Amino acid sequence: MRTFYDQLDRKIELKEIPQRIVSLVPSQTELLVDLGLREQIVGVTKFCVHPAELRKEKKVVGGTKQVHYEKIAALDPEIILCNKEENTEEMVAELEKFAPVHVSDIKTIDDSLQLILQYGEIFGVVRKASAIAEKIGIEKELFQKEMLGLPQRNVAYFIWKDPWMVAGKDTFIDHLLELNRFRNVFSEEDSRYPEVALEQLEEKNVELVLLSTEPFPFKNKDKDSLKRKVGMSSVHIVDGEFFSWYGSRLSAAFAYFRKLQAVLS
């Protein structure tokens, strides 16, 4: 019996290396593919959009908050991959009736690297996992050096509208904003994703508004509308996957952040 502890310190026992994986987290699904585990994936969510054709190959079992349990059970999984933020506690309890459930909890890049390396051990792809983690670690270190000395800017990072919602404290987005020398003006709110009023942007001396492409798909028309409403010129659409996906996509995230910094400078 192989014993692991997930990022919530939950004990997971596996008889052997899992060959039938259900992944209920888009960024973790992409990571599995990049680890060379595409064939072992049997079930994914409708939001597992990378790689683009994967949902045609695998059984789609629902979303991240609601799944079809009977579809998952029929897949006879040997492990189910979840995330504390993406999936619910009730889901995890129900899914454990079918197979061991691994739950990730990602707030920093170090958490992400830990997850990648543990997947390497769980799925027998230690070398590939180590290579991905090493590349991300090197890119992060280089980027941090490049950001040294740059002034911080007060930023609001919107993830939703009607109601307006932003990324707050204790989130992976907040961590990446900090790496980019952006001071998240809503990081002191009680909620991790607080609802806010647009009037607060002026109250909090916001210099830059970032509109994410996910989960709400902000478009240029939203940017133009918000500019008129708040009287700000510094409103930009940003790729939400690079600010919130914490798997192998991080390998390319810092190149994106460099381009963003150049646009905003």
Protein backbone atom coordinates (compact mmCIF):
# COMPACT_ATOMS: atom_id res chain seq x y z
CA MET A 1 0.00 0.00 0.00
CA ARG A 2 1.32 3.45 -0.98
CA THR A 3 0.41 6.24 1.46
CA PHE A 4 0.24 9.95 0.64
CA TYR A 5 -1.14 13.06 2.34
CA ASP A 6 -2.83 15.66 0.18
CA GLN A 7 -2.59 19.43 0.71
CA LEU A 8 -5.35 19.33 3.32
CA ASP A 9 -3.30 16.69 5.15
CA ARG A 10 -5.87 14.02 4.31
CA LYS A 11 -4.49 10.49 4.18
CA ILE A 12 -4.73 8.73 0.81
CA GLU A 13 -3.87 5.06 0.35
CA LEU A 14 -3.24 3.62 -3.10
CA LYS A 15 -2.59 -0.02 -3.89
CA GLU A 16 -0.55 0.89 -6.97
CA ILE A 17 0.08 3.70 -9.44
CA PRO A 18 -3.39 4.88 -10.58
CA GLN A 19 -4.20 4.09 -14.19
CA ARG A 20 -7.72 5.56 -14.27
CA ILE A 21 -7.87 9.23 -13.27
CA VAL A 22 -10.85 11.57 -12.97
CA SER A 23 -9.76 15.21 -12.78
CA LEU A 24 -12.28 17.82 -11.63
CA VAL A 25 -9.91 20.81 -11.85
CA PRO A 26 -9.01 22.36 -15.24
CA SER A 27 -5.46 23.45 -14.39
CA GLN A 28 -4.72 20.05 -12.87
CA THR A 29 -6.08 18.31 -15.96
CA GLU A 30 -3.66 20.30 -18.13
CA LEU A 31 -0.85 19.39 -15.74
CA LEU A 32 -1.65 15.68 -16.06
CA VAL A 33 -1.40 15.91 -19.84
CA ASP A 34 1.95 17.72 -19.61
CA LEU A 35 3.15 14.99 -17.24
CA GLY A 36 2.47 12.45 -19.98
CA LEU A 37 -0.65 11.03 -18.34
CA ARG A 38 -3.17 11.74 -21.08
CA GLU A 39 -4.03 8.07 -21.61
CA GLN A 40 -4.71 7.55 -17.91
CA ILE A 41 -7.32 10.34 -17.75
CA VAL A 42 -10.83 8.89 -18.05
CA GLY A 43 -13.01 11.78 -16.81
CA VAL A 44 -12.85 15.59 -16.90
CA THR A 45 -15.10 18.62 -16.39
CA LYS A 46 -16.67 20.78 -19.07
CA PHE A 47 -14.21 23.50 -18.04
CA CYS A 48 -11.12 21.39 -18.79
CA VAL A 49 -10.42 23.34 -21.97
CA HIS A 50 -6.70 22.59 -22.33
CA PRO A 51 -5.74 20.80 -24.42
CA ALA A 52 -8.69 21.87 -26.55
CA GLU A 53 -9.60 18.44 -27.96
CA LEU A 54 -9.40 16.55 -24.65
CA ARG A 55 -13.11 16.81 -23.88
CA LYS A 56 -13.84 14.95 -27.12
CA GLU A 57 -11.61 12.09 -26.00
CA LYS A 58 -12.70 11.78 -22.37
CA LYS A 59 -15.99 11.48 -20.48
CA VAL A 60 -17.27 14.89 -19.36
CA VAL A 61 -18.74 14.36 -15.89
CA GLY A 62 -20.08 17.87 -15.16
CA GLY A 63 -18.59 21.10 -13.89
CA THR A 64 -16.40 21.86 -10.91
CA LYS A 65 -19.19 22.59 -8.43
CA GLN A 66 -21.68 20.00 -9.67
CA VAL A 67 -20.89 16.61 -11.17
CA HIS A 68 -22.83 13.55 -12.28
CA TYR A 69 -21.83 11.01 -9.67
CA GLU A 70 -23.24 8.08 -11.62
CA LYS A 71 -21.00 8.98 -14.60
CA ILE A 72 -17.94 9.09 -12.36
CA ALA A 73 -18.82 5.79 -10.70
CA ALA A 74 -19.26 4.15 -14.12
CA LEU A 75 -15.71 5.18 -15.07
CA ASP A 76 -14.36 3.02 -12.23
CA PRO A 77 -11.66 5.60 -11.28
CA GLU A 78 -8.63 4.65 -9.23
CA ILE A 79 -8.14 8.24 -8.03
CA ILE A 80 -10.17 11.47 -8.25
CA LEU A 81 -8.40 14.84 -8.23
CA CYS A 82 -10.07 17.84 -6.59
CA ASN A 83 -9.21 21.28 -5.24
CA LYS A 84 -10.38 22.96 -2.05
CA GLU A 85 -11.52 26.13 -3.84
CA GLU A 86 -12.85 24.62 -7.07
CA ASN A 87 -14.81 21.72 -5.58
CA THR A 88 -17.07 21.47 -2.54
CA GLU A 89 -16.57 19.55 0.68
CA GLU A 90 -19.85 17.72 0.04
CA MET A 91 -18.58 16.61 -3.38
CA VAL A 92 -15.39 15.21 -1.90
CA ALA A 93 -17.32 13.22 0.70
CA GLU A 94 -19.56 11.71 -1.98
CA LEU A 95 -16.69 11.00 -4.37
CA GLU A 96 -14.79 9.09 -1.70
CA LYS A 97 -17.43 6.37 -2.04
CA PHE A 98 -15.97 5.58 -5.48
CA ALA A 99 -12.22 6.08 -5.12
CA PRO A 100 -9.47 7.83 -3.12
CA VAL A 101 -9.79 11.61 -3.51
CA HIS A 102 -6.77 13.92 -3.56
CA VAL A 103 -7.55 17.55 -2.68
CA SER A 104 -5.11 20.33 -3.54
CA ASP A 105 -4.98 23.70 -1.78
CA ILE A 106 -3.05 26.32 -3.74
CA LYS A 107 -2.35 29.85 -2.53
CA THR A 108 1.26 30.32 -3.65
CA ILE A 109 3.64 29.11 -6.34
CA ASP A 110 5.42 27.04 -3.69
CA ASP A 111 2.10 25.23 -3.07
CA SER A 112 1.87 24.60 -6.80
CA LEU A 113 5.40 23.21 -6.99
CA GLN A 114 4.63 20.91 -4.06
CA LEU A 115 1.56 19.62 -5.88
CA ILE A 116 3.44 19.04 -9.14
CA LEU A 117 6.16 17.07 -7.35
CA GLN A 118 3.62 15.00 -5.43
CA TYR A 119 1.78 14.16 -8.64
CA GLY A 120 5.15 12.94 -9.91
CA GLU A 121 5.34 10.50 -7.01
CA ILE A 122 1.68 9.43 -7.10
CA PHE A 123 1.62 8.77 -10.85
CA GLY A 124 5.17 7.49 -11.31
CA VAL A 125 6.42 10.40 -13.40
CA VAL A 126 8.95 11.90 -11.00
CA ARG A 127 11.42 12.97 -13.69
CA LYS A 128 8.85 14.89 -15.74
CA ALA A 129 7.36 16.50 -12.65
CA SER A 130 10.77 17.58 -11.42
CA ALA A 131 11.59 19.14 -14.80
CA ILE A 132 8.34 21.14 -14.87
CA ALA A 133 8.76 22.29 -11.27
CA GLU A 134 12.38 23.27 -11.84
CA LYS A 135 11.51 25.35 -14.91
CA ILE A 136 8.75 27.20 -13.04
CA GLY A 137 11.05 27.83 -10.09
CA ILE A 138 13.78 29.27 -12.33
CA GLU A 139 11.30 31.48 -14.22
CA LYS A 140 9.86 32.78 -10.97
CA GLU A 141 13.28 33.66 -9.59
CA LEU A 142 14.30 35.49 -12.76
CA PHE A 143 11.04 37.41 -12.85
CA GLN A 144 11.34 38.46 -9.22
CA LYS A 145 14.80 39.87 -9.90
CA GLU A 146 13.46 41.83 -12.87
CA MET A 147 10.68 43.29 -10.74
CA LEU A 148 13.03 44.53 -8.02
CA GLY A 149 12.95 48.29 -7.67
CA LEU A 150 9.79 48.77 -9.69
CA PRO A 151 7.20 50.93 -7.92
CA GLN A 152 4.08 49.22 -6.62
CA ARG A 153 0.75 50.23 -8.10
CA ASN A 154 -2.66 50.07 -6.44
CA VAL A 155 -4.68 47.49 -8.38
CA ALA A 156 -8.18 46.04 -8.41
CA TYR A 157 -8.52 42.65 -10.12
CA PHE A 158 -12.11 41.96 -11.20
CA ILE A 159 -13.35 38.41 -11.71
CA TRP A 160 -17.10 39.08 -12.08
CA LYS A 161 -19.74 41.71 -12.73
CA ASP A 162 -23.40 41.99 -11.69
CA PRO A 163 -22.38 41.90 -8.91
CA TRP A 164 -18.89 43.30 -9.20
CA MET A 165 -16.44 40.90 -7.53
CA VAL A 166 -12.69 41.05 -7.10
CA ALA A 167 -9.88 38.75 -6.01
CA GLY A 168 -9.04 39.34 -2.36
CA LYS A 169 -6.70 37.99 0.27
CA ASP A 170 -5.42 34.42 0.56
CA THR A 171 -5.90 33.70 -3.13
CA PHE A 172 -3.47 32.49 -5.76
CA ILE A 173 -4.40 35.55 -7.83
CA ASP A 174 -3.41 37.83 -4.96
CA HIS A 175 -0.06 36.05 -4.75
CA LEU A 176 0.64 36.56 -8.46
CA LEU A 177 -0.44 40.20 -8.29
CA GLU A 178 2.13 40.71 -5.55
CA LEU A 179 4.84 39.10 -7.69
CA ASN A 180 3.95 41.62 -10.41
CA ARG A 181 4.43 44.52 -7.97
CA PHE A 182 0.69 45.15 -7.90
CA ARG A 183 -0.75 46.13 -4.52
CA ASN A 184 -4.17 44.51 -4.27
CA VAL A 185 -6.34 47.20 -2.65
CA PHE A 186 -8.96 44.62 -1.66
CA SER A 187 -6.60 42.20 0.08
CA GLU A 188 -7.75 43.45 3.49
CA GLU A 189 -11.40 42.51 2.96
CA ASP A 190 -12.88 39.65 5.00
CA SER A 191 -13.90 37.65 1.93
CA ARG A 192 -11.45 36.01 -0.45
CA TYR A 193 -13.65 37.15 -3.36
CA PRO A 194 -15.54 40.17 -2.04
CA GLU A 195 -18.39 41.98 -3.74
CA VAL A 196 -17.44 45.63 -4.20
CA ALA A 197 -18.95 48.91 -5.34
CA LEU A 198 -17.28 50.80 -8.17
CA GLU A 199 -17.20 53.89 -5.93
CA GLN A 200 -14.58 52.11 -3.83
CA LEU A 201 -12.03 52.37 -6.63
CA GLU A 202 -11.65 56.10 -6.02
CA GLU A 203 -11.81 55.68 -2.26
CA LYS A 204 -8.93 53.20 -2.36
CA ASN A 205 -6.83 55.23 -4.80
CA VAL A 206 -6.84 52.54 -7.46
CA GLU A 207 -4.34 53.30 -10.22
CA LEU A 208 -4.98 50.28 -12.41
CA VAL A 209 -8.03 48.06 -13.00
CA LEU A 210 -7.52 44.56 -14.36
CA LEU A 211 -10.48 42.69 -15.87
CA SER A 212 -9.91 38.94 -16.02
CA THR A 213 -11.01 36.77 -18.91
CA GLU A 214 -12.28 34.21 -16.40
CA PRO A 215 -14.44 33.18 -14.65
CA PHE A 216 -16.42 36.10 -16.13
CA PRO A 217 -15.31 36.53 -19.75
CA PHE A 218 -14.65 40.27 -19.72
CA LYS A 219 -14.42 41.76 -23.23
CA ASN A 220 -13.32 45.10 -24.66
CA LYS A 221 -16.90 46.39 -24.47
CA ASP A 222 -16.78 45.78 -20.68
CA LYS A 223 -13.49 47.63 -20.48
CA ASP A 224 -14.84 50.62 -22.38
CA SER A 225 -18.01 50.67 -20.30
CA LEU A 226 -16.09 50.58 -17.04
CA LYS A 227 -13.79 53.37 -18.17
CA ARG A 228 -16.81 55.58 -18.70
CA LYS A 229 -18.42 54.62 -15.40
CA VAL A 230 -15.37 55.28 -13.20
CA GLY A 231 -13.59 57.89 -15.30
CA MET A 232 -10.35 55.90 -15.46
CA SER A 233 -8.11 55.33 -18.44
CA SER A 234 -6.02 52.52 -16.91
CA VAL A 235 -8.41 49.61 -17.38
CA HIS A 236 -7.00 46.48 -19.04
CA ILE A 237 -8.16 42.99 -19.98
CA VAL A 238 -5.80 40.30 -18.67
CA ASP A 239 -5.55 36.57 -19.33
CA GLY A 240 -7.19 35.00 -16.30
CA GLU A 241 -5.59 31.62 -16.93
CA PHE A 242 -2.12 33.05 -16.33
CA PHE A 243 -3.27 34.64 -13.09
CA SER A 244 -5.24 31.71 -11.69
CA TRP A 245 -4.12 28.41 -13.25
CA TYR A 246 -1.44 26.92 -11.03
CA GLY A 247 -0.23 23.84 -12.87
CA SER A 248 2.18 23.53 -15.78
CA ARG A 249 0.70 26.71 -17.33
CA LEU A 250 2.95 28.59 -14.91
CA SER A 251 5.86 27.64 -17.18
CA ALA A 252 4.60 30.25 -19.66
CA ALA A 253 3.05 32.68 -17.17
CA PHE A 254 6.12 34.79 -16.53
CA ALA A 255 6.68 35.46 -20.23
CA TYR A 256 3.08 36.72 -20.30
CA PHE A 257 3.67 38.87 -17.21
CA ARG A 258 6.71 40.47 -18.87
CA LYS A 259 4.62 41.43 -21.90
CA LEU A 260 1.89 42.79 -19.62
CA GLN A 261 4.38 44.88 -17.70
CA ALA A 262 5.69 46.31 -20.98
CA VAL A 263 2.16 47.27 -22.06
CA LEU A 264 1.41 48.90 -18.69
CA SER A 265 4.70 50.78 -18.39
